[in-house]
Amino acid sequence: MTAKNPDDVSIHLYELVFNLEVEEAPYVQKIVETLGTYLEARNTQVRRVALLFIDRFLEPDNANQFKHILEHLVGLLTDRNWKIRLISYDMLKEVRALPDDFRLSFWDRLRKRFLNPFK
């Protein structure tokens, strides 16, 4: 994602990623690993778009295949951007990989309740 505005690139990737059948996609592991490299990007939009695409493939029954990605997600729970923190939180919670001792901050719980991290 090298465009000046990552959302421009994500529009084109959206069709590709969301038209794949997760169970039948032979390259899911490689796709997720490639997207995972963008979780460390300096640009917040790039990290957010990578999270949204990874979420398409990450499911409770296949989460063990993506331990490296789950470790990245745990690290993103303390990201400087609240949207990244909340998306990571929701993804980890959905696949039952949220650390037992983790709790959202007061401000993040308010944001989760009243704001949409996906916009």
Protein backbone atom coordinates (compact mmCIF):
# COMPACT_ATOMS: atom_id res chain seq x y z
CA MET A 1 0.00 0.00 0.00
CA THR A 2 2.14 2.78 -1.26
CA ALA A 3 -0.44 5.27 -2.45
CA LYS A 4 -0.55 8.63 -0.76
CA ASN A 5 -4.00 7.72 0.52
CA PRO A 6 -4.19 4.05 1.57
CA ASP A 7 -7.97 4.15 1.32
CA ASP A 8 -7.57 4.57 -2.46
CA VAL A 9 -5.67 1.28 -2.61
CA SER A 10 -8.04 -0.42 -0.18
CA ILE A 11 -11.00 0.18 -2.49
CA HIS A 12 -9.40 -2.06 -5.10
CA LEU A 13 -8.18 -4.64 -2.59
CA TYR A 14 -11.63 -4.78 -1.03
CA GLU A 15 -13.13 -6.51 -4.07
CA LEU A 16 -10.31 -9.03 -4.21
CA VAL A 17 -10.27 -9.90 -0.51
CA PHE A 18 -13.99 -9.98 0.14
CA ASN A 19 -14.81 -12.10 -2.90
CA LEU A 20 -12.55 -14.93 -1.75
CA GLU A 21 -14.12 -17.89 -0.03
CA VAL A 22 -12.03 -18.29 3.12
CA GLU A 23 -12.41 -22.06 3.29
CA GLU A 24 -11.52 -22.53 -0.35
CA ALA A 25 -8.77 -19.94 -0.76
CA PRO A 26 -5.50 -21.84 -1.19
CA TYR A 27 -3.33 -18.87 -0.33
CA VAL A 28 -5.07 -17.59 2.81
CA GLN A 29 -1.98 -18.15 4.96
CA LYS A 30 0.21 -16.15 2.57
CA ILE A 31 -2.38 -13.37 2.19
CA VAL A 32 -2.70 -12.97 5.96
CA GLU A 33 1.07 -13.04 6.46
CA THR A 34 1.54 -10.39 3.78
CA LEU A 35 -1.16 -8.19 5.29
CA GLY A 36 0.41 -8.78 8.70
CA THR A 37 3.58 -7.01 7.56
CA TYR A 38 1.53 -3.82 7.30
CA LEU A 39 0.48 -3.98 10.96
CA GLU A 40 3.78 -2.29 11.78
CA ALA A 41 3.39 0.50 9.23
CA ARG A 42 3.90 4.03 10.48
CA ASN A 43 0.77 5.22 8.69
CA THR A 44 -2.34 4.68 10.81
CA GLN A 45 -4.60 4.22 7.79
CA VAL A 46 -2.37 1.46 6.45
CA ARG A 47 -2.49 -0.38 9.79
CA ARG A 48 -6.27 0.04 9.98
CA VAL A 49 -6.86 -1.23 6.43
CA ALA A 50 -4.55 -4.22 7.05
CA LEU A 51 -6.53 -5.05 10.20
CA LEU A 52 -9.85 -4.89 8.38
CA PHE A 53 -8.61 -7.21 5.65
CA ILE A 54 -7.03 -9.65 8.10
CA ASP A 55 -10.32 -9.74 9.97
CA ARG A 56 -11.89 -11.22 6.85
CA PHE A 57 -9.73 -14.33 7.18
CA LEU A 58 -9.29 -14.70 10.92
CA GLU A 59 -11.84 -17.02 12.52
CA PRO A 60 -12.01 -18.87 15.85
CA ASP A 61 -11.39 -22.23 14.17
CA ASN A 62 -8.29 -21.12 12.23
CA ALA A 63 -6.72 -18.64 14.67
CA ASN A 64 -4.05 -21.15 15.72
CA GLN A 65 -2.63 -20.96 12.19
CA PHE A 66 -1.97 -17.26 12.71
CA LYS A 67 -0.19 -17.10 16.08
CA HIS A 68 2.26 -14.52 14.77
CA ILE A 69 -0.62 -12.28 13.66
CA LEU A 70 -2.36 -12.74 17.02
CA GLU A 71 0.84 -11.59 18.75
CA HIS A 72 0.81 -8.48 16.57
CA LEU A 73 -2.83 -7.87 17.47
CA VAL A 74 -2.04 -8.12 21.18
CA GLY A 75 0.70 -5.54 20.64
CA LEU A 76 -1.77 -3.26 18.87
CA LEU A 77 -3.94 -3.16 21.98
CA THR A 78 -1.58 -0.41 23.14
CA ASP A 79 -1.33 1.39 19.78
CA ARG A 80 -1.36 5.18 19.90
CA ASN A 81 -4.51 5.27 17.74
CA TRP A 82 -7.78 4.40 19.46
CA LYS A 83 -9.34 2.95 16.29
CA ILE A 84 -6.46 0.49 15.93
CA ARG A 85 -6.78 -0.49 19.60
CA LEU A 86 -10.53 -1.11 19.36
CA ILE A 87 -10.40 -3.05 16.09
CA SER A 88 -7.60 -5.22 17.50
CA TYR A 89 -9.60 -5.73 20.69
CA ASP A 90 -12.71 -6.82 18.77
CA MET A 91 -10.72 -9.17 16.55
CA LEU A 92 -8.96 -10.84 19.49
CA LYS A 93 -12.20 -11.13 21.41
CA GLU A 94 -13.94 -12.72 18.42
CA VAL A 95 -11.31 -15.45 18.06
CA ARG A 96 -11.06 -15.89 21.84
CA ALA A 97 -7.40 -14.83 21.93
CA LEU A 98 -7.73 -11.73 24.11
CA PRO A 99 -5.28 -11.85 27.04
CA ASP A 100 -7.12 -12.77 30.24
CA ASP A 101 -5.81 -9.77 32.15
CA PHE A 102 -6.50 -7.19 29.43
CA ARG A 103 -9.10 -4.52 29.97
CA LEU A 104 -9.88 -1.54 27.76
CA SER A 105 -9.16 1.83 29.29
CA PHE A 106 -12.05 3.96 30.47
CA TRP A 107 -11.69 6.26 27.45
CA ASP A 108 -11.57 3.37 25.00
CA ARG A 109 -14.69 1.85 26.54
CA LEU A 110 -16.44 5.20 25.99
CA ARG A 111 -15.17 5.39 22.42
CA LYS A 112 -16.32 1.83 21.79
CA ARG A 113 -19.75 2.67 23.05
CA PHE A 114 -20.27 5.94 21.18
CA LEU A 115 -17.88 6.04 18.21
CA ASN A 116 -17.28 3.82 15.20
CA PRO A 117 -13.63 2.74 14.79
CA PHE A 118 -14.36 1.47 11.28
CA LYS A 119 -14.92 4.96 9.81
